[in-house]
N, C-alpha and C. Protein backbone atom coordinates (compact mmCIF):
# COMPACT_ATOMS: atom_id res chain seq x y z
N UNK A 1 0.82 -1.13 -0.01
CA UNK A 1 -0.02 -0.09 -0.07
C UNK A 1 0.84 1.18 -0.14
N UNK A 2 0.77 2.22 -0.78
CA UNK A 2 1.39 3.10 -0.64
C UNK A 2 0.01 4.51 -0.13
N UNK A 3 0.97 5.66 0.24
CA UNK A 3 0.83 7.14 0.37
C UNK A 3 -0.02 7.80 -0.73
N UNK A 4 -0.72 8.57 -0.56
CA UNK A 4 -0.86 9.37 -1.69
C UNK A 4 -0.67 10.68 -1.47
N UNK A 5 -0.17 11.35 -2.74
CA UNK A 5 0.53 12.76 -2.45
C UNK A 5 1.45 12.57 -1.65
N UNK A 6 2.55 11.78 -1.76
CA UNK A 6 3.61 12.29 -0.84
C UNK A 6 4.55 13.08 -1.47
N UNK A 7 4.80 14.75 -0.94
CA UNK A 7 5.63 15.33 -1.44
C UNK A 7 7.03 15.61 -1.48
N UNK A 8 7.30 15.45 -2.13
CA UNK A 8 8.89 14.95 -2.53
C UNK A 8 10.11 16.36 -2.68
N UNK A 9 10.98 16.53 -2.21
CA UNK A 9 12.21 17.51 -2.54
C UNK A 9 13.34 16.57 -3.11
N UNK A 10 14.16 17.25 -4.28
CA UNK A 10 15.35 16.00 -4.22
C UNK A 10 16.32 16.97 -4.59
N UNK A 11 17.39 16.50 -3.64
CA UNK A 11 18.74 17.12 -3.28
C UNK A 11 19.76 16.67 -3.83
N UNK A 12 20.22 17.24 -5.00
CA UNK A 12 21.32 16.78 -5.89
C UNK A 12 21.96 17.43 -6.97
N UNK A 13 23.35 17.32 -6.80
CA UNK A 13 24.36 18.23 -8.06
C UNK A 13 23.90 18.10 -9.35
N UNK A 14 23.78 17.00 -9.79
CA UNK A 14 24.00 16.02 -10.83
C UNK A 14 22.74 16.58 -11.57
N UNK A 15 22.62 17.35 -12.51
CA UNK A 15 21.04 17.59 -13.43
C UNK A 15 20.81 15.88 -14.11
N UNK A 16 21.44 15.05 -14.37
CA UNK A 16 21.02 14.19 -14.93
C UNK A 16 20.18 13.35 -14.10
N UNK A 17 20.69 13.79 -12.57
CA UNK A 17 20.21 12.51 -11.78
C UNK A 17 18.93 13.10 -11.32
N UNK A 18 18.64 14.53 -11.51
CA UNK A 18 17.18 15.43 -11.08
C UNK A 18 16.01 14.97 -12.06
N UNK A 19 17.29 15.03 -13.04
CA UNK A 19 16.37 14.30 -14.80
C UNK A 19 15.23 13.82 -14.39
N UNK A 20 15.75 11.91 -13.92
CA UNK A 20 15.91 11.03 -13.97
C UNK A 20 14.91 10.80 -12.84
N UNK A 21 14.88 11.46 -11.93
CA UNK A 21 14.38 11.46 -10.59
C UNK A 21 12.65 11.93 -10.59
N UNK A 22 12.92 13.61 -11.08
CA UNK A 22 12.17 13.91 -11.87
C UNK A 22 10.80 13.07 -12.79
N UNK A 23 11.29 12.63 -13.71
CA UNK A 23 10.52 11.41 -14.40
C UNK A 23 9.94 10.72 -13.41
N UNK A 24 10.58 9.79 -12.79
CA UNK A 24 10.20 8.60 -11.93
C UNK A 24 8.77 9.19 -11.40
N UNK A 25 9.15 10.44 -10.79
CA UNK A 25 8.17 10.90 -9.49
C UNK A 25 6.59 11.44 -10.33
N UNK A 26 6.99 11.77 -11.45
CA UNK A 26 6.27 12.44 -12.54
C UNK A 26 5.09 11.25 -12.49
N UNK A 27 5.93 10.04 -13.03
CA UNK A 27 5.10 9.03 -13.64
C UNK A 27 4.04 8.31 -12.42
N UNK A 28 4.18 8.70 -10.95
CA UNK A 28 3.61 7.76 -9.91
C UNK A 28 2.72 9.17 -9.88
N UNK A 29 1.66 8.89 -9.45
CA UNK A 29 0.11 9.26 -9.24
C UNK A 29 0.30 9.72 -7.51
N UNK A 30 1.21 8.76 -6.81
CA UNK A 30 0.64 8.95 -5.48
C UNK A 30 2.53 10.29 -5.14
N UNK A 31 2.83 10.43 -5.81
CA UNK A 31 4.01 11.32 -5.37
C UNK A 31 3.52 12.57 -5.91
N UNK A 32 4.32 13.93 -5.42
CA UNK A 32 4.46 15.10 -5.93
C UNK A 32 5.66 15.85 -5.41
N UNK A 33 6.68 16.19 -6.81
CA UNK A 33 7.69 17.01 -6.55
C UNK A 33 7.64 18.16 -6.45
N UNK A 34 8.01 18.18 -5.27
CA UNK A 34 7.81 20.08 -4.64
C UNK A 34 9.02 20.96 -5.10
N UNK A 35 10.03 20.26 -5.02
CA UNK A 35 10.81 20.97 -5.33
C UNK A 35 12.09 20.25 -5.53
N UNK A 36 13.57 20.88 -6.21
CA UNK A 36 14.81 20.33 -6.89
C UNK A 36 16.03 21.36 -6.20
N UNK A 37 16.90 21.06 -5.57
CA UNK A 37 17.92 21.68 -5.05
C UNK A 37 19.36 21.33 -5.57
N UNK A 38 20.32 21.97 -5.71
CA UNK A 38 21.76 21.69 -6.37
C UNK A 38 22.49 21.38 -5.24
N UNK A 39 22.49 22.09 -3.96
CA UNK A 39 23.45 21.70 -3.20
C UNK A 39 22.77 21.68 -1.90
N UNK A 40 23.59 21.85 -0.92
CA UNK A 40 22.97 21.56 0.52
C UNK A 40 21.92 22.33 0.94
N UNK A 41 23.14 23.99 1.04
CA UNK A 41 22.23 24.91 1.44
C UNK A 41 20.78 25.16 1.20
N UNK A 42 20.90 25.59 -0.41
CA UNK A 42 19.40 25.37 -1.14
C UNK A 42 18.75 24.37 -0.84
N UNK A 43 18.96 22.63 -0.53
CA UNK A 43 18.02 21.90 -0.09
C UNK A 43 17.01 22.18 1.37
N UNK A 44 18.03 22.83 2.41
CA UNK A 44 17.93 23.25 3.55
C UNK A 44 16.88 24.44 3.42
N UNK A 45 17.24 25.63 2.29
CA UNK A 45 15.69 26.19 2.25
C UNK A 45 14.90 26.25 2.20
N UNK A 46 14.76 25.26 0.59
CA UNK A 46 13.79 24.55 0.32
C UNK A 46 12.73 23.99 1.26
N UNK A 47 13.32 23.06 1.93
CA UNK A 47 12.79 22.33 2.85
C UNK A 47 11.83 23.25 3.81
N UNK A 48 12.81 24.32 4.35
CA UNK A 48 11.72 25.13 5.41
C UNK A 48 10.91 25.76 5.09
N UNK A 49 10.77 26.39 3.61
CA UNK A 49 9.63 26.82 3.13
C UNK A 49 8.97 25.81 2.72
N UNK A 50 9.30 24.43 1.85
CA UNK A 50 7.82 23.89 1.12
C UNK A 50 7.43 22.83 2.08
N UNK A 51 8.40 22.32 2.66
CA UNK A 51 8.08 21.39 4.04
C UNK A 51 7.40 19.98 3.33
N UNK A 52 8.53 19.59 2.80
CA UNK A 52 8.25 17.89 2.00
C UNK A 52 8.07 16.93 2.96
N UNK A 53 7.33 16.13 2.71
CA UNK A 53 7.28 14.57 3.79
C UNK A 53 8.45 14.00 3.09
N UNK A 54 9.13 13.78 2.16
CA UNK A 54 10.13 13.23 1.79
C UNK A 54 11.51 14.21 1.50
N UNK A 55 12.66 13.87 1.65
CA UNK A 55 13.56 14.35 1.11
C UNK A 55 14.69 13.56 0.52
N UNK A 56 14.52 13.35 -0.90
CA UNK A 56 15.85 12.13 -1.70
C UNK A 56 17.26 13.32 -1.50
N UNK A 57 18.29 12.78 -0.90
CA UNK A 57 19.25 13.27 -0.49
C UNK A 57 20.74 12.92 -1.23
N UNK A 58 21.38 13.23 -1.77
CA UNK A 58 22.79 13.07 -2.39
C UNK A 58 23.66 12.79 -0.76
N UNK A 59 24.52 12.45 -1.15
CA UNK A 59 25.70 13.02 0.25
C UNK A 59 26.85 14.05 0.02
N UNK A 60 26.89 13.84 -1.61
CA UNK A 60 28.27 14.34 -2.09
C UNK A 60 27.43 16.03 -3.00
N UNK A 61 27.37 17.05 -1.84
CA UNK A 61 26.76 18.30 -2.16
C UNK A 61 27.66 18.93 -2.43
N UNK A 62 28.07 20.11 -3.24
CA UNK A 62 28.44 21.43 -3.09
C UNK A 62 28.59 22.09 -1.69
N UNK A 63 29.53 22.74 -1.21
CA UNK A 63 28.94 23.82 0.18
C UNK A 63 28.68 22.77 1.29
N UNK A 64 27.21 23.05 1.92
CA UNK A 64 26.87 22.01 2.70
C UNK A 64 26.51 20.71 2.37
N UNK A 65 27.07 19.42 2.95
CA UNK A 65 27.51 18.62 2.59
C UNK A 65 25.83 17.53 2.92
N UNK A 66 25.75 16.42 2.33
CA UNK A 66 24.02 15.49 2.34
C UNK A 66 24.32 15.57 3.94
N UNK A 67 25.69 14.98 4.65
CA UNK A 67 25.03 14.20 6.01
C UNK A 67 24.40 15.85 7.02
N UNK A 68 25.61 16.95 6.85
CA UNK A 68 25.16 18.38 7.43
C UNK A 68 23.99 18.75 7.24
N UNK A 69 23.56 18.44 5.82
CA UNK A 69 22.01 18.62 5.41
C UNK A 69 20.88 18.03 5.83
N UNK A 70 21.25 16.72 6.11
CA UNK A 70 20.11 16.09 6.56
C UNK A 70 19.87 16.37 8.19
N UNK A 71 20.98 16.36 8.99
CA UNK A 71 21.26 16.92 10.15
C UNK A 71 20.29 18.06 10.57
N UNK A 72 20.44 19.19 9.59
CA UNK A 72 19.77 20.41 10.06
C UNK A 72 18.37 20.18 9.63
N UNK A 73 17.65 19.21 8.51
CA UNK A 73 16.58 19.21 8.68
C UNK A 73 15.54 18.41 9.05
N UNK A 74 16.71 17.10 9.80
CA UNK A 74 15.80 16.68 10.41
C UNK A 74 15.30 17.43 11.78
N UNK A 75 16.02 18.15 12.31
CA UNK A 75 16.03 18.76 13.41
C UNK A 75 15.07 20.05 13.20
N UNK A 76 15.03 20.52 12.30
CA UNK A 76 14.17 22.07 11.83
C UNK A 76 13.08 21.72 11.08
N UNK A 77 12.89 20.88 10.64
CA UNK A 77 11.56 20.30 10.20
C UNK A 77 10.98 18.98 10.77
N UNK A 78 9.68 19.67 11.31
CA UNK A 78 9.06 18.33 11.52
C UNK A 78 8.25 17.36 11.01
N UNK A 79 8.33 16.19 11.41
CA UNK A 79 8.11 15.41 10.36
C UNK A 79 8.48 14.99 9.13
N UNK A 80 10.31 15.28 8.55
CA UNK A 80 10.33 15.12 6.93
C UNK A 80 11.26 13.73 7.41
N UNK A 81 11.10 13.12 6.76
CA UNK A 81 12.20 11.59 6.10
C UNK A 81 13.02 12.13 5.26
N UNK A 82 14.07 11.62 5.57
CA UNK A 82 15.32 11.67 4.64
C UNK A 82 15.65 10.45 4.10
N UNK A 83 15.70 10.49 2.37
CA UNK A 83 16.37 9.18 2.15
C UNK A 83 17.41 9.62 1.47
N UNK A 84 18.51 8.94 1.97
CA UNK A 84 19.58 9.41 0.85
C UNK A 84 19.45 8.11 0.09
N UNK A 85 20.38 8.80 -1.27
CA UNK A 85 20.51 8.16 -2.52
C UNK A 85 21.73 8.70 -3.05
N UNK A 86 22.72 7.06 -2.80
CA UNK A 86 24.00 7.76 -3.13
C UNK A 86 25.03 7.05 -3.76
N UNK A 87 26.12 7.49 -4.54
CA UNK A 87 27.20 6.19 -5.02
C UNK A 87 27.98 5.98 -3.87
N UNK A 88 28.04 6.91 -2.28
CA UNK A 88 28.74 6.15 -1.36
C UNK A 88 28.37 5.03 -0.88
N UNK A 89 29.04 3.78 -1.05
CA UNK A 89 28.95 2.51 -0.24
C UNK A 89 29.66 2.19 0.75
N UNK A 90 30.43 3.00 1.64
CA UNK A 90 31.53 2.81 2.35
C UNK A 90 31.11 2.94 3.62
N UNK A 91 30.86 1.99 5.01
CA UNK A 91 30.44 2.26 6.33
C UNK A 91 30.38 3.50 6.83
N UNK A 92 31.32 4.72 6.66
CA UNK A 92 31.54 6.08 7.21
C UNK A 92 30.56 6.67 6.61
N UNK A 93 30.46 6.55 5.81
CA UNK A 93 28.83 7.57 4.87
C UNK A 93 27.41 6.84 5.44
N UNK A 94 27.41 5.30 5.50
CA UNK A 94 26.17 4.72 6.07
C UNK A 94 25.80 5.18 7.63
N UNK A 95 26.73 5.11 8.43
CA UNK A 95 26.58 5.33 9.70
C UNK A 95 26.59 6.84 10.14
N UNK A 96 27.16 8.21 9.10
CA UNK A 96 27.52 9.06 9.49
C UNK A 96 25.94 9.54 9.17
N UNK A 97 25.07 9.28 7.94
CA UNK A 97 23.92 9.31 7.21
C UNK A 97 22.59 9.23 9.14
N UNK A 98 23.02 7.73 8.90
CA UNK A 98 21.95 7.80 10.22
C UNK A 98 22.04 8.56 11.53
N UNK A 99 23.36 8.47 11.95
CA UNK A 99 23.23 9.15 13.13
C UNK A 99 23.06 11.10 12.66
N UNK A 100 23.12 11.22 11.71
CA UNK A 100 22.47 12.59 11.25
C UNK A 100 20.76 11.94 10.74
N UNK A 101 19.99 11.62 11.25
CA UNK A 101 18.99 11.24 11.03
C UNK A 101 17.82 10.68 9.89
N UNK A 102 18.78 10.26 9.09
CA UNK A 102 18.54 9.92 7.67
C UNK A 102 17.71 8.14 8.32
N UNK A 103 16.59 8.22 7.10
CA UNK A 103 15.59 7.45 7.67
C UNK A 103 15.70 6.09 6.78
N UNK A 104 16.15 6.27 5.38
CA UNK A 104 17.05 5.01 4.14
C UNK A 104 17.66 5.31 3.80
N UNK A 105 18.52 4.29 2.92
CA UNK A 105 19.97 4.37 2.13
C UNK A 105 19.95 3.93 1.20
N UNK A 106 19.89 4.28 0.36
CA UNK A 106 20.06 3.50 -1.16
C UNK A 106 21.13 3.64 -2.03
N UNK A 107 21.63 3.06 -2.97
CA UNK A 107 22.84 3.00 -3.73
C UNK A 107 22.15 3.83 -4.99
N UNK A 108 22.80 4.59 -5.70
CA UNK A 108 22.43 5.13 -7.21
C UNK A 108 22.79 3.80 -7.70
N UNK A 109 21.83 4.02 -9.10
CA UNK A 109 21.68 2.12 -9.66
C UNK A 109 20.86 1.53 -9.36
N UNK A 110 19.83 1.82 -8.03
CA UNK A 110 18.57 1.15 -7.35
C UNK A 110 17.53 1.24 -8.44
N UNK A 111 16.88 0.30 -9.10
CA UNK A 111 15.71 0.04 -9.58
C UNK A 111 14.60 1.49 -9.53
N UNK A 112 14.04 2.02 -9.98
CA UNK A 112 13.43 3.23 -10.05
C UNK A 112 12.26 2.68 -9.03
N UNK A 113 11.79 1.64 -9.66
CA UNK A 113 10.40 1.02 -8.65
C UNK A 113 10.67 1.03 -6.82
N UNK A 114 12.28 0.18 -6.81
CA UNK A 114 12.70 0.27 -5.53
C UNK A 114 12.89 1.86 -4.77
N UNK A 115 13.00 2.83 -5.96
CA UNK A 115 13.29 3.93 -4.82
C UNK A 115 12.02 4.49 -4.57
N UNK A 116 11.13 4.02 -5.47
CA UNK A 116 9.87 5.03 -5.40
C UNK A 116 9.19 4.11 -3.86
N UNK A 117 9.40 3.06 -3.95
CA UNK A 117 9.35 2.21 -2.77
C UNK A 117 9.76 2.34 -1.64
N UNK A 118 10.97 3.00 -1.36
CA UNK A 118 11.50 3.32 -0.42
C UNK A 118 10.99 5.06 0.20
N UNK A 119 10.85 5.94 -0.54
CA UNK A 119 10.26 7.06 -0.71
C UNK A 119 8.48 6.57 0.25
N UNK A 120 8.02 5.66 -0.23
CA UNK A 120 6.69 5.77 0.23
C UNK A 120 6.98 5.20 1.71
N UNK A 121 8.07 4.00 1.69
CA UNK A 121 8.22 3.30 2.97
C UNK A 121 9.13 4.42 4.31
N UNK A 122 9.88 5.36 3.65
CA UNK A 122 10.26 6.52 4.71
C UNK A 122 9.19 7.07 5.42
N UNK A 123 7.82 7.59 4.59
CA UNK A 123 7.24 8.52 4.66
C UNK A 123 6.23 7.67 5.65
N UNK A 124 5.95 6.57 5.56
CA UNK A 124 5.38 5.83 6.74
C UNK A 124 6.06 5.54 8.26
N UNK A 125 7.46 5.79 7.96
CA UNK A 125 8.07 6.04 9.05
C UNK A 125 8.98 4.79 9.15
N UNK A 126 9.23 4.14 8.01
CA UNK A 126 10.21 3.03 8.27
C UNK A 126 11.54 3.00 7.87
N UNK A 127 12.10 2.53 8.20
CA UNK A 127 13.77 2.42 7.62
C UNK A 127 13.90 1.70 6.41
N UNK A 128 14.84 1.93 5.56
CA UNK A 128 14.68 1.43 4.33
C UNK A 128 16.15 1.48 3.78
N UNK A 129 16.40 0.54 3.49
CA UNK A 129 18.25 -0.06 3.42
C UNK A 129 18.19 -0.98 1.68
N UNK A 130 19.01 -0.47 1.13
CA UNK A 130 19.63 -1.73 -0.23
C UNK A 130 19.95 -2.65 0.53
N UNK A 131 19.98 -3.73 -0.49
CA UNK A 131 20.25 -5.13 -0.09
C UNK A 131 21.81 -4.95 0.41
N UNK A 132 22.83 -4.78 -0.10
CA UNK A 132 24.13 -4.44 0.05
C UNK A 132 24.31 -3.66 1.47
N UNK A 133 23.44 -2.66 1.59
CA UNK A 133 23.66 -1.56 2.55
C UNK A 133 23.10 -2.42 3.82
N UNK A 134 22.38 -2.74 3.61
CA UNK A 134 21.39 -3.96 4.97
C UNK A 134 22.47 -5.10 5.22
N UNK A 135 23.08 -5.63 4.32
CA UNK A 135 23.91 -6.85 5.11
C UNK A 135 25.15 -6.19 5.56
N UNK A 136 25.70 -4.90 5.17
CA UNK A 136 26.68 -4.44 6.16
C UNK A 136 26.43 -3.89 7.21
N UNK A 137 25.10 -3.42 7.29
CA UNK A 137 24.33 -3.09 8.52
C UNK A 137 24.32 -4.09 9.91
N UNK A 138 23.84 -5.32 8.85
CA UNK A 138 23.13 -6.24 9.68
C UNK A 138 24.46 -7.29 10.28
N UNK A 139 25.64 -7.22 9.64
CA UNK A 139 27.31 -7.36 10.35
C UNK A 139 28.29 -6.57 11.28
N UNK A 140 27.33 -5.66 11.34
CA UNK A 140 27.91 -4.26 12.20
C UNK A 140 27.15 -4.84 13.18
N UNK A 141 25.55 -4.95 13.52
CA UNK A 141 24.82 -5.07 14.35
C UNK A 141 24.92 -6.26 15.17
N UNK A 142 25.36 -7.44 14.43
CA UNK A 142 25.74 -8.54 14.80
C UNK A 142 27.11 -8.79 15.39
N UNK A 143 28.06 -8.01 15.32
CA UNK A 143 29.43 -8.33 15.58
C UNK A 143 29.97 -9.00 14.93
N UNK A 144 29.23 -9.60 13.89
CA UNK A 144 29.98 -10.60 12.63
C UNK A 144 31.75 -10.27 12.19
N UNK A 145 31.72 -8.56 11.99
CA UNK A 145 33.05 -8.21 11.90
C UNK A 145 33.06 -7.13 13.02
N UNK A 146 34.59 -7.37 13.23
CA UNK A 146 35.26 -6.26 14.69
C UNK A 146 34.85 -4.87 14.12
N UNK A 147 34.44 -4.07 15.08
CA UNK A 147 34.07 -2.83 14.77
C UNK A 147 35.41 -2.17 14.71
N UNK A 148 35.71 -1.49 13.65
CA UNK A 148 37.18 -0.54 13.54
C UNK A 148 36.36 0.78 13.64
N UNK A 149 37.07 1.74 14.30
CA UNK A 149 36.44 2.93 14.51
C UNK A 149 37.74 3.68 13.36
N UNK A 150 36.81 4.75 12.63
CA UNK A 150 37.91 5.19 11.84
C UNK A 150 38.82 6.34 11.98
N UNK A 151 39.61 6.48 11.62
CA UNK A 151 40.77 7.66 12.32
C UNK A 151 39.77 9.08 12.28
N UNK A 152 40.00 9.83 13.24
CA UNK A 152 39.44 11.04 13.46
C UNK A 152 37.83 11.05 13.00
N UNK A 153 37.30 10.04 14.22
CA UNK A 153 35.90 10.59 14.31
C UNK A 153 35.04 11.64 13.92
N UNK A 154 35.44 12.78 14.85
CA UNK A 154 34.65 13.76 14.74
C UNK A 154 34.49 14.50 13.13
N UNK A 155 35.46 13.98 12.21
CA UNK A 155 35.08 14.59 11.08
C UNK A 155 34.24 13.93 10.33
N UNK A 156 33.51 14.89 9.59
CA UNK A 156 32.51 14.67 8.62
C UNK A 156 32.86 14.02 7.46
N UNK A 157 32.13 13.44 6.47
CA UNK A 157 32.56 12.40 5.52
C UNK A 157 33.12 13.31 4.27
N UNK A 158 32.90 14.14 4.44
CA UNK A 158 33.46 15.30 3.51
C UNK A 158 34.60 15.55 3.66
N UNK A 159 34.76 16.29 5.17
CA UNK A 159 35.89 16.69 5.55
C UNK A 159 37.07 15.53 5.74
N UNK A 160 36.47 14.39 5.50
CA UNK A 160 37.56 13.12 5.72
C UNK A 160 38.16 13.26 4.51
N UNK A 161 37.12 12.94 3.18
CA UNK A 161 37.65 13.18 1.86
C UNK A 161 38.36 14.17 1.51
N UNK A 162 38.49 15.53 2.02
CA UNK A 162 39.39 16.44 1.93
C UNK A 162 40.70 16.46 2.73
N UNK A 163 40.87 15.60 3.74
CA UNK A 163 42.07 15.10 4.69
C UNK A 163 42.94 14.31 3.75
N UNK A 164 42.31 12.90 3.20
CA UNK A 164 42.49 12.48 2.59
C UNK A 164 43.37 12.87 1.29
N UNK A 165 42.93 13.66 0.54
CA UNK A 165 43.65 14.38 -0.09
C UNK A 165 44.48 14.94 0.24
N UNK A 166 44.67 15.85 1.35
CA UNK A 166 46.06 17.16 1.34
C UNK A 166 46.74 15.80 2.28
N UNK A 167 46.65 14.97 2.43
CA UNK A 167 47.46 13.80 3.21
C UNK A 167 48.30 13.15 1.58
N UNK A 168 47.74 13.02 0.85
CA UNK A 168 48.14 12.74 -0.54
C UNK A 168 48.94 13.86 -1.20
N UNK A 169 48.72 14.70 -0.52
CA UNK A 169 49.82 15.51 -1.41
C UNK A 169 48.90 16.54 -2.41
N UNK A 170 47.84 16.80 -2.50
CA UNK A 170 46.79 17.52 -3.51
C UNK A 170 46.70 18.80 -2.94
N UNK A 171 46.98 19.52 -4.20
CA UNK A 171 46.61 21.00 -3.92
C UNK A 171 44.93 21.46 -3.51
N UNK A 172 44.99 22.68 -2.74
CA UNK A 172 43.46 23.09 -3.04
C UNK A 172 42.62 23.21 -3.83
N UNK A 173 43.41 23.90 -4.91
CA UNK A 173 42.72 23.38 -6.30
C UNK A 173 42.65 22.21 -7.03
N UNK A 174 43.77 21.25 -6.85
CA UNK A 174 43.61 19.91 -7.08
C UNK A 174 41.69 19.22 -6.64
N UNK A 175 42.27 19.78 -5.66
CA UNK A 175 40.74 18.78 -4.04
C UNK A 175 39.73 19.37 -4.79
N UNK A 176 39.65 20.73 -4.90
CA UNK A 176 38.16 21.48 -5.00
C UNK A 176 37.73 20.88 -6.49
N UNK A 177 38.34 20.73 -7.42
CA UNK A 177 38.28 19.96 -8.87
C UNK A 177 37.81 18.71 -8.35
N UNK A 178 38.76 17.76 -7.80
CA UNK A 178 38.46 16.56 -7.42
C UNK A 178 37.02 16.35 -6.77
N UNK A 179 36.33 17.11 -6.21
CA UNK A 179 35.41 16.64 -5.25
C UNK A 179 34.19 17.87 -5.92
N UNK A 180 34.63 18.71 -6.69
CA UNK A 180 33.08 19.56 -7.08
C UNK A 180 33.23 20.47 -6.07
N UNK A 181 33.99 21.09 -5.32
CA UNK A 181 33.55 21.84 -4.44
C UNK A 181 34.45 23.44 -4.95
N UNK A 182 34.15 24.17 -4.64
CA UNK A 182 34.75 25.52 -4.57
C UNK A 182 36.22 25.86 -3.77
N UNK A 183 36.69 26.68 -4.28
CA UNK A 183 38.71 26.97 -3.75
C UNK A 183 38.24 27.07 -2.15
N UNK A 184 36.80 28.53 -1.70
CA UNK A 184 36.56 28.67 -0.91
C UNK A 184 36.05 27.50 0.27
N UNK A 185 35.22 27.12 -0.21
CA UNK A 185 34.97 25.83 0.32
C UNK A 185 35.58 24.88 0.91
N UNK A 186 37.06 24.51 0.06
CA UNK A 186 38.25 23.63 0.34
C UNK A 186 38.87 24.66 1.86
N UNK A 187 38.84 26.02 1.81
CA UNK A 187 39.87 26.64 2.50
C UNK A 187 38.57 26.46 3.85
N UNK A 188 37.29 26.71 3.44
CA UNK A 188 36.82 26.59 4.99
C UNK A 188 36.47 25.27 5.23
N UNK A 189 36.67 23.97 4.43
CA UNK A 189 36.72 22.72 5.23
C UNK A 189 38.48 22.68 6.19
N UNK A 190 38.95 22.91 5.50
CA UNK A 190 40.48 22.79 5.96
C UNK A 190 40.56 23.70 7.31
N UNK A 191 40.11 24.47 7.27
CA UNK A 191 40.27 25.42 8.66
C UNK A 191 39.24 24.57 9.85
N UNK A 192 38.29 24.25 9.47
CA UNK A 192 37.53 23.09 10.60
C UNK A 192 38.70 21.87 10.72
N UNK A 193 38.72 21.51 9.77
CA UNK A 193 40.03 20.22 10.09
C UNK A 193 40.79 20.53 10.81
N UNK A 194 41.60 21.63 10.71
CA UNK A 194 42.87 21.50 11.75
C UNK A 194 42.42 22.31 12.74
N UNK A 195 41.11 22.78 13.09
CA UNK A 195 40.48 22.93 14.71
C UNK A 195 40.15 21.53 15.07
N UNK A 196 39.91 20.67 14.47
CA UNK A 196 39.56 19.48 14.66
C UNK A 196 41.12 18.32 15.10
N UNK A 197 41.29 18.76 14.54
CA UNK A 197 43.37 17.71 14.38
C UNK A 197 43.89 18.26 15.35
N UNK A 198 43.40 19.86 16.19
CA UNK A 198 44.36 20.47 16.93
C UNK A 198 45.49 20.87 16.45
N UNK A 199 46.05 20.77 15.02
CA UNK A 199 47.16 21.72 14.41
C UNK A 199 46.77 22.91 13.79
N UNK A 200 48.19 23.38 13.34
CA UNK A 200 47.77 24.84 13.14
C UNK A 200 47.98 25.25 11.78
N UNK A 201 48.70 24.16 11.07
CA UNK A 201 49.16 24.56 9.51
C UNK A 201 48.90 23.25 8.84
N UNK A 202 49.27 23.09 7.66
CA UNK A 202 48.97 21.82 6.49
C UNK A 202 49.52 20.61 6.79
N UNK A 203 51.06 21.39 7.02
CA UNK A 203 52.49 20.16 7.22
C UNK A 203 51.63 19.53 8.27
N UNK A 204 51.25 20.49 9.57
CA UNK A 204 51.25 19.19 10.95
C UNK A 204 49.66 18.18 10.53
N UNK A 205 48.87 18.54 9.25
CA UNK A 205 47.62 17.95 9.41
C UNK A 205 48.33 16.86 8.31
N UNK A 206 48.69 17.01 7.57
CA UNK A 206 49.29 15.74 6.92
C UNK A 206 50.26 14.93 7.74
N UNK A 207 51.04 15.18 8.35
CA UNK A 207 51.95 14.25 9.33
C UNK A 207 50.54 13.46 10.03
N UNK A 208 49.82 14.46 10.68
CA UNK A 208 48.63 13.60 11.77
C UNK A 208 48.08 12.29 10.50
N UNK A 209 47.40 12.94 9.66
CA UNK A 209 46.58 12.25 8.39
C UNK A 209 48.07 10.85 8.29
N UNK A 210 48.93 10.87 7.92
CA UNK A 210 49.85 9.84 7.49
C UNK A 210 50.11 9.07 8.60
N UNK A 211 49.91 9.47 9.73
CA UNK A 211 50.19 8.75 11.24
C UNK A 211 48.83 7.96 11.08
N UNK A 212 48.07 8.26 10.41
CA UNK A 212 46.81 7.39 11.14
C UNK A 212 46.32 6.66 9.65
N UNK A 213 47.30 6.35 8.88
CA UNK A 213 46.93 5.51 7.86
C UNK A 213 46.56 6.39 6.23
N UNK A 214 46.00 7.48 5.93
CA UNK A 214 45.46 8.31 5.43
C UNK A 214 46.58 8.54 4.20
N UNK A 215 46.39 8.54 3.15
CA UNK A 215 47.29 8.98 1.93
C UNK A 215 48.37 7.86 1.55
N UNK A 216 48.33 7.19 2.11
CA UNK A 216 49.44 6.26 1.63
C UNK A 216 49.65 5.65 0.49
N UNK A 217 48.52 5.79 0.25
CA UNK A 217 48.25 4.65 -1.32
C UNK A 217 49.14 5.69 -2.62
N UNK A 218 48.98 6.77 -2.33
CA UNK A 218 49.00 7.93 -3.66
C UNK A 218 50.52 8.05 -3.40
């Protein structure tokens, strides 16, 4: 059974993805696409104004990333459900999204009907995970694999991506191009990273990161 007129906001920085989701939602008489956002700040602003039932959220967003946007939305918009739809299949991203308040986590490439079913499920208050994601979650809960805390757990997934590239010797311009960020956003992320690592400059951050095993493959 599906909900009627589930109001959906899509947050993804790739126009092709937004086009596909738009077509999917328009073809479903039980959903209504109320807005689209290309970055995290726009997603927050639109959600506050439009009050959607469900936000389909990418994690790799310019500016405010999907984890931060999810946390902001679930705190500021009562009743909203966030369904993460991302390319990121790593445990760090999964658990960060859940801690931020996401109700579901699907990988891009999921069938359109699975995405629609997940939208309706999170609207009903259910938790939804793609099959591969669910298996990893079950292993973690059951203790089938030893839990390994990632280095620098205070960092967000975006900040960890930036630090990984800093540790590999990438410049700010290279990091910005690689992650689809503006140079200003990279600088802002580095300031936060230095503060969390309690270091005063890039060289000390590289030393800390490499001691923790980041950047060694490059």
